[in-house]
C-alpha cells in the first residue's frame, strides 16, 4: 500500500491519541497534501520542525498499529463481512432457483441488513 495512504488511514485510527499540534501538522501534510514549507507557514514553525514532527509522528503511528493492530483488525473484519455477504447472496440465489422458501429469504435479508449496519 502507498505510504501516504497508509499514514492517512493510521491517522484516522490513531489521530485522537496524538497531540493537537501533531494532528494538525499531519492533517495538513497528508490529508491536505501541503508541502513541508506550506505547513510550516500555516503553523508558524520552521520547515525542519515540520519535517521532524512528521517523521516522529509517522514512527509513532506505525508503532501504535504494531501494538494495537486496529487497522489490521478493521481490514480483517471488512474482508470477513464481505465473505459473509457473498455467501448470503449465494444462498439467496440458490433459494430462489430451487426452494423458494420465504424463511430462508427473510433470514438472508436479516443477515445482509446486519452486515450493512456493521459497516
N, C-alpha and C. Protein backbone atom coordinates (compact mmCIF):
# COMPACT_ATOMS: atom_id res chain seq x y z
N UNK A 1 0.85 -1.18 0.00
CA UNK A 1 0.00 0.00 0.00
C UNK A 1 0.90 1.24 0.00
N UNK A 2 0.46 2.26 -0.71
CA UNK A 2 1.16 3.53 -0.77
C UNK A 2 1.34 4.11 0.64
N UNK A 3 2.53 4.63 0.92
CA UNK A 3 2.83 5.15 2.26
C UNK A 3 1.87 6.27 2.66
N UNK A 4 1.59 7.19 1.73
CA UNK A 4 0.69 8.31 2.07
C UNK A 4 -0.69 7.80 2.46
N UNK A 5 -1.18 6.83 1.72
CA UNK A 5 -2.50 6.27 2.03
C UNK A 5 -2.48 5.57 3.38
N UNK A 6 -1.42 4.79 3.63
CA UNK A 6 -1.33 4.07 4.89
C UNK A 6 -1.27 5.02 6.08
N UNK A 7 -0.45 6.06 5.98
CA UNK A 7 -0.34 7.01 7.08
C UNK A 7 -1.67 7.73 7.29
N UNK A 8 -2.34 8.06 6.19
CA UNK A 8 -3.65 8.72 6.29
C UNK A 8 -4.66 7.82 7.01
N UNK A 9 -4.64 6.53 6.69
CA UNK A 9 -5.53 5.58 7.37
C UNK A 9 -5.17 5.45 8.85
N UNK A 10 -3.88 5.38 9.13
CA UNK A 10 -3.46 5.29 10.53
C UNK A 10 -3.85 6.54 11.31
N UNK A 11 -3.82 7.70 10.64
CA UNK A 11 -4.29 8.93 11.28
C UNK A 11 -5.77 8.83 11.65
N UNK A 12 -6.55 8.20 10.78
CA UNK A 12 -7.98 8.02 11.08
C UNK A 12 -8.16 7.16 12.33
N UNK A 13 -7.34 6.13 12.47
CA UNK A 13 -7.49 5.22 13.61
C UNK A 13 -6.87 5.76 14.89
N UNK A 14 -5.72 6.39 14.79
CA UNK A 14 -4.96 6.76 15.98
C UNK A 14 -4.79 8.26 16.17
N UNK A 15 -5.35 9.07 15.30
CA UNK A 15 -5.18 10.52 15.37
C UNK A 15 -5.56 11.12 16.71
N UNK A 16 -6.58 10.57 17.33
CA UNK A 16 -7.02 11.12 18.62
C UNK A 16 -6.01 10.88 19.74
N UNK A 17 -5.04 10.00 19.51
CA UNK A 17 -4.00 9.73 20.51
C UNK A 17 -2.80 10.67 20.36
N UNK A 18 -2.80 11.45 19.30
CA UNK A 18 -1.71 12.40 19.05
C UNK A 18 -2.01 13.73 19.72
N UNK A 19 -0.98 14.55 19.86
CA UNK A 19 -1.21 15.90 20.37
C UNK A 19 -1.92 16.72 19.29
N UNK A 20 -2.53 17.80 19.70
CA UNK A 20 -3.25 18.65 18.75
C UNK A 20 -2.31 19.16 17.66
N UNK A 21 -1.10 19.53 18.04
CA UNK A 21 -0.13 20.04 17.07
C UNK A 21 0.28 18.95 16.08
N UNK A 22 0.52 17.74 16.58
CA UNK A 22 0.86 16.62 15.69
C UNK A 22 -0.28 16.36 14.71
N UNK A 23 -1.50 16.31 15.20
CA UNK A 23 -2.66 16.06 14.33
C UNK A 23 -2.77 17.14 13.26
N UNK A 24 -2.60 18.38 13.68
CA UNK A 24 -2.73 19.49 12.75
C UNK A 24 -1.67 19.41 11.65
N UNK A 25 -0.43 19.17 12.03
CA UNK A 25 0.65 19.06 11.05
C UNK A 25 0.42 17.89 10.11
N UNK A 26 0.08 16.75 10.66
CA UNK A 26 -0.14 15.56 9.83
C UNK A 26 -1.35 15.73 8.91
N UNK A 27 -2.37 16.39 9.40
CA UNK A 27 -3.56 16.64 8.59
C UNK A 27 -3.21 17.54 7.40
N UNK A 28 -2.49 18.61 7.67
CA UNK A 28 -2.06 19.49 6.58
C UNK A 28 -1.19 18.73 5.58
N UNK A 29 -0.24 17.97 6.08
CA UNK A 29 0.74 17.32 5.21
C UNK A 29 0.14 16.15 4.43
N UNK A 30 -0.62 15.30 5.09
CA UNK A 30 -1.14 14.10 4.43
C UNK A 30 -2.53 14.28 3.83
N UNK A 31 -3.44 14.88 4.54
CA UNK A 31 -4.81 14.98 4.05
C UNK A 31 -5.02 16.17 3.13
N UNK A 32 -4.35 17.30 3.42
CA UNK A 32 -4.49 18.48 2.56
C UNK A 32 -3.39 18.53 1.50
N UNK A 33 -2.42 17.61 1.58
CA UNK A 33 -1.34 17.47 0.61
C UNK A 33 -0.51 18.76 0.46
N UNK A 34 -0.27 19.43 1.58
CA UNK A 34 0.57 20.63 1.56
C UNK A 34 2.04 20.21 1.66
N UNK A 35 2.92 21.04 1.12
CA UNK A 35 4.36 20.79 1.23
C UNK A 35 4.81 21.11 2.66
N UNK A 36 6.03 20.68 2.98
CA UNK A 36 6.57 20.98 4.31
C UNK A 36 6.63 22.49 4.54
N UNK A 37 7.02 23.24 3.51
CA UNK A 37 7.11 24.70 3.63
C UNK A 37 5.73 25.33 3.84
N UNK A 38 4.72 24.82 3.13
CA UNK A 38 3.36 25.35 3.29
C UNK A 38 2.83 25.06 4.69
N UNK A 39 3.10 23.87 5.18
CA UNK A 39 2.67 23.52 6.54
C UNK A 39 3.38 24.43 7.54
N UNK A 40 4.68 24.62 7.34
CA UNK A 40 5.45 25.48 8.25
C UNK A 40 4.88 26.89 8.28
N UNK A 41 4.51 27.43 7.12
CA UNK A 41 3.91 28.77 7.06
C UNK A 41 2.58 28.81 7.81
N UNK A 42 1.76 27.78 7.63
CA UNK A 42 0.44 27.74 8.29
C UNK A 42 0.55 27.60 9.81
N UNK A 43 1.52 26.83 10.25
CA UNK A 43 1.66 26.54 11.68
C UNK A 43 2.51 27.60 12.39
N UNK A 44 3.44 28.18 11.66
CA UNK A 44 4.32 29.18 12.25
C UNK A 44 5.57 28.59 12.87
N UNK A 45 6.05 27.49 12.28
CA UNK A 45 7.32 26.89 12.72
C UNK A 45 8.21 26.70 11.49
N UNK A 46 9.42 26.21 11.71
CA UNK A 46 10.34 26.03 10.59
C UNK A 46 9.96 24.79 9.78
N UNK A 47 10.46 24.78 8.55
CA UNK A 47 10.26 23.62 7.69
C UNK A 47 10.87 22.38 8.34
N UNK A 48 12.05 22.54 8.94
CA UNK A 48 12.72 21.44 9.62
C UNK A 48 11.89 20.93 10.80
N UNK A 49 11.25 21.85 11.50
CA UNK A 49 10.37 21.45 12.60
C UNK A 49 9.20 20.61 12.12
N UNK A 50 8.64 21.00 10.98
CA UNK A 50 7.54 20.21 10.39
C UNK A 50 8.06 18.84 9.99
N UNK A 51 9.21 18.81 9.32
CA UNK A 51 9.80 17.54 8.87
C UNK A 51 10.02 16.60 10.05
N UNK A 52 10.62 17.12 11.11
CA UNK A 52 10.89 16.29 12.29
C UNK A 52 9.60 15.78 12.93
N UNK A 53 8.60 16.64 13.00
CA UNK A 53 7.31 16.24 13.58
C UNK A 53 6.65 15.17 12.73
N UNK A 54 6.69 15.33 11.41
CA UNK A 54 6.10 14.34 10.51
C UNK A 54 6.79 13.00 10.70
N UNK A 55 8.11 12.97 10.71
CA UNK A 55 8.84 11.71 10.84
C UNK A 55 8.59 11.04 12.20
N UNK A 56 8.62 11.83 13.27
CA UNK A 56 8.36 11.27 14.61
C UNK A 56 6.93 10.73 14.71
N UNK A 57 6.00 11.47 14.13
CA UNK A 57 4.59 11.06 14.21
C UNK A 57 4.33 9.83 13.36
N UNK A 58 4.95 9.76 12.17
CA UNK A 58 4.83 8.55 11.35
C UNK A 58 5.31 7.33 12.14
N UNK A 59 6.46 7.47 12.76
CA UNK A 59 7.01 6.36 13.56
C UNK A 59 6.05 5.99 14.69
N UNK A 60 5.50 6.99 15.35
CA UNK A 60 4.56 6.73 16.45
C UNK A 60 3.31 6.01 15.94
N UNK A 61 2.80 6.43 14.78
CA UNK A 61 1.60 5.81 14.22
C UNK A 61 1.85 4.34 13.87
N UNK A 62 2.99 4.06 13.24
CA UNK A 62 3.32 2.67 12.90
C UNK A 62 3.51 1.83 14.17
N UNK A 63 4.10 2.41 15.20
CA UNK A 63 4.26 1.69 16.47
C UNK A 63 2.91 1.41 17.12
N UNK A 64 2.01 2.38 17.07
CA UNK A 64 0.67 2.16 17.62
C UNK A 64 -0.03 1.02 16.89
N UNK A 65 0.09 1.02 15.57
CA UNK A 65 -0.55 -0.05 14.80
C UNK A 65 0.08 -1.40 15.12
N UNK A 66 1.39 -1.42 15.28
CA UNK A 66 2.06 -2.67 15.61
C UNK A 66 1.59 -3.21 16.96
N UNK A 67 1.40 -2.31 17.92
CA UNK A 67 0.99 -2.74 19.27
C UNK A 67 -0.50 -3.01 19.38
N UNK A 68 -1.32 -2.14 18.78
CA UNK A 68 -2.77 -2.24 18.95
C UNK A 68 -3.47 -2.98 17.80
N UNK A 69 -2.96 -2.84 16.59
CA UNK A 69 -3.49 -3.56 15.44
C UNK A 69 -4.91 -3.21 15.03
N UNK A 70 -5.35 -1.98 15.29
CA UNK A 70 -6.73 -1.61 14.96
C UNK A 70 -7.00 -1.63 13.47
N UNK A 71 -6.06 -1.11 12.67
CA UNK A 71 -6.27 -1.10 11.22
C UNK A 71 -6.27 -2.52 10.68
N UNK A 72 -5.33 -3.34 11.13
CA UNK A 72 -5.26 -4.73 10.68
C UNK A 72 -6.56 -5.46 11.03
N UNK A 73 -7.04 -5.23 12.22
CA UNK A 73 -8.29 -5.86 12.67
C UNK A 73 -9.47 -5.37 11.83
N UNK A 74 -9.51 -4.06 11.57
CA UNK A 74 -10.57 -3.48 10.74
C UNK A 74 -10.57 -4.12 9.35
N UNK A 75 -9.38 -4.23 8.76
CA UNK A 75 -9.25 -4.82 7.43
C UNK A 75 -9.74 -6.27 7.42
N UNK A 76 -9.39 -7.03 8.45
CA UNK A 76 -9.82 -8.42 8.56
C UNK A 76 -11.33 -8.52 8.69
N UNK A 77 -11.91 -7.68 9.54
CA UNK A 77 -13.37 -7.69 9.73
C UNK A 77 -14.07 -7.34 8.43
N UNK A 78 -13.56 -6.34 7.70
CA UNK A 78 -14.15 -5.96 6.41
C UNK A 78 -14.13 -7.12 5.42
N UNK A 79 -13.01 -7.83 5.34
CA UNK A 79 -12.91 -8.98 4.43
C UNK A 79 -13.90 -10.07 4.82
N UNK A 80 -14.02 -10.32 6.12
CA UNK A 80 -14.92 -11.37 6.58
C UNK A 80 -16.38 -10.98 6.36
N UNK A 81 -16.70 -9.70 6.56
CA UNK A 81 -18.07 -9.24 6.29
C UNK A 81 -18.41 -9.38 4.81
N UNK A 82 -17.45 -9.08 3.95
CA UNK A 82 -17.67 -9.25 2.51
C UNK A 82 -17.89 -10.71 2.16
N UNK A 83 -17.12 -11.59 2.78
CA UNK A 83 -17.29 -13.03 2.54
C UNK A 83 -18.66 -13.50 3.00
N UNK A 84 -19.09 -13.05 4.17
CA UNK A 84 -20.41 -13.42 4.68
C UNK A 84 -21.50 -12.89 3.76
N UNK A 85 -21.34 -11.67 3.29
CA UNK A 85 -22.34 -11.09 2.39
C UNK A 85 -22.41 -11.88 1.08
N UNK A 86 -21.26 -12.25 0.52
CA UNK A 86 -21.24 -13.04 -0.72
C UNK A 86 -21.89 -14.40 -0.52
N UNK A 87 -21.58 -15.06 0.58
CA UNK A 87 -22.20 -16.36 0.86
C UNK A 87 -23.71 -16.22 1.04
N UNK A 88 -24.13 -15.16 1.70
CA UNK A 88 -25.57 -14.92 1.90
C UNK A 88 -26.27 -14.72 0.56
N UNK A 89 -25.63 -13.97 -0.32
CA UNK A 89 -26.22 -13.75 -1.65
C UNK A 89 -26.29 -15.05 -2.45
N UNK A 90 -25.27 -15.90 -2.30
CA UNK A 90 -25.31 -17.21 -2.97
C UNK A 90 -26.43 -18.08 -2.42
N UNK A 91 -26.62 -18.05 -1.11
CA UNK A 91 -27.72 -18.80 -0.50
C UNK A 91 -29.05 -18.29 -1.04
N UNK A 92 -29.19 -16.98 -1.15
CA UNK A 92 -30.42 -16.38 -1.65
C UNK A 92 -30.68 -16.81 -3.10
N UNK A 93 -29.64 -16.82 -3.93
CA UNK A 93 -29.80 -17.25 -5.34
C UNK A 93 -30.21 -18.71 -5.42
N UNK A 94 -29.58 -19.55 -4.61
CA UNK A 94 -29.94 -20.97 -4.59
C UNK A 94 -31.37 -21.15 -4.11
N UNK A 95 -31.74 -20.40 -3.10
CA UNK A 95 -33.11 -20.47 -2.58
C UNK A 95 -34.12 -20.07 -3.65
N UNK A 96 -33.85 -18.98 -4.35
CA UNK A 96 -34.78 -18.52 -5.39
C UNK A 96 -34.89 -19.53 -6.53
N UNK A 97 -33.77 -20.16 -6.89
CA UNK A 97 -33.77 -21.10 -8.01
C UNK A 97 -34.37 -22.45 -7.65
N UNK A 98 -34.19 -22.90 -6.42
CA UNK A 98 -34.57 -24.27 -6.09
C UNK A 98 -35.68 -24.41 -5.06
N UNK A 99 -35.67 -23.59 -4.03
CA UNK A 99 -36.57 -23.84 -2.90
C UNK A 99 -37.70 -22.84 -2.75
N UNK A 100 -37.42 -21.59 -3.02
CA UNK A 100 -38.39 -20.51 -2.85
C UNK A 100 -38.98 -20.49 -1.44
N UNK A 101 -38.11 -20.69 -0.47
CA UNK A 101 -38.51 -20.72 0.93
C UNK A 101 -38.46 -19.30 1.50
N UNK A 102 -39.60 -18.82 1.97
CA UNK A 102 -39.70 -17.45 2.49
C UNK A 102 -38.85 -17.25 3.74
N UNK A 103 -38.74 -18.26 4.58
CA UNK A 103 -37.95 -18.10 5.81
C UNK A 103 -36.46 -17.97 5.48
N UNK A 104 -35.98 -18.69 4.48
CA UNK A 104 -34.59 -18.54 4.05
C UNK A 104 -34.37 -17.13 3.52
N UNK A 105 -35.29 -16.67 2.69
CA UNK A 105 -35.20 -15.31 2.13
C UNK A 105 -35.16 -14.28 3.26
N UNK A 106 -36.05 -14.42 4.24
CA UNK A 106 -36.10 -13.47 5.35
C UNK A 106 -34.81 -13.48 6.19
N UNK A 107 -34.30 -14.68 6.45
CA UNK A 107 -33.07 -14.79 7.25
C UNK A 107 -31.86 -14.22 6.51
N UNK A 108 -31.78 -14.47 5.21
CA UNK A 108 -30.68 -13.91 4.42
C UNK A 108 -30.78 -12.38 4.41
N UNK A 109 -31.98 -11.86 4.27
CA UNK A 109 -32.18 -10.41 4.29
C UNK A 109 -31.74 -9.82 5.62
N UNK A 110 -32.05 -10.51 6.71
CA UNK A 110 -31.63 -10.05 8.04
C UNK A 110 -30.10 -10.05 8.17
N UNK A 111 -29.47 -11.09 7.66
CA UNK A 111 -28.01 -11.17 7.71
C UNK A 111 -27.38 -10.01 6.94
N UNK A 112 -27.88 -9.75 5.75
CA UNK A 112 -27.34 -8.65 4.93
C UNK A 112 -27.60 -7.31 5.60
N UNK A 113 -28.75 -7.12 6.22
CA UNK A 113 -29.03 -5.88 6.95
C UNK A 113 -28.04 -5.69 8.11
N UNK A 114 -27.75 -6.76 8.83
CA UNK A 114 -26.79 -6.68 9.93
C UNK A 114 -25.41 -6.29 9.41
N UNK A 115 -25.00 -6.88 8.30
CA UNK A 115 -23.70 -6.55 7.71
C UNK A 115 -23.64 -5.07 7.37
N UNK A 116 -24.69 -4.55 6.76
CA UNK A 116 -24.71 -3.13 6.38
C UNK A 116 -24.68 -2.21 7.60
N UNK A 117 -25.32 -2.62 8.68
CA UNK A 117 -25.29 -1.82 9.91
C UNK A 117 -23.89 -1.83 10.54
N UNK A 118 -23.19 -2.94 10.42
CA UNK A 118 -21.84 -3.04 10.97
C UNK A 118 -20.84 -2.18 10.21
N UNK A 119 -21.12 -1.94 8.97
CA UNK A 119 -20.20 -1.12 8.16
C UNK A 119 -20.51 0.32 8.41
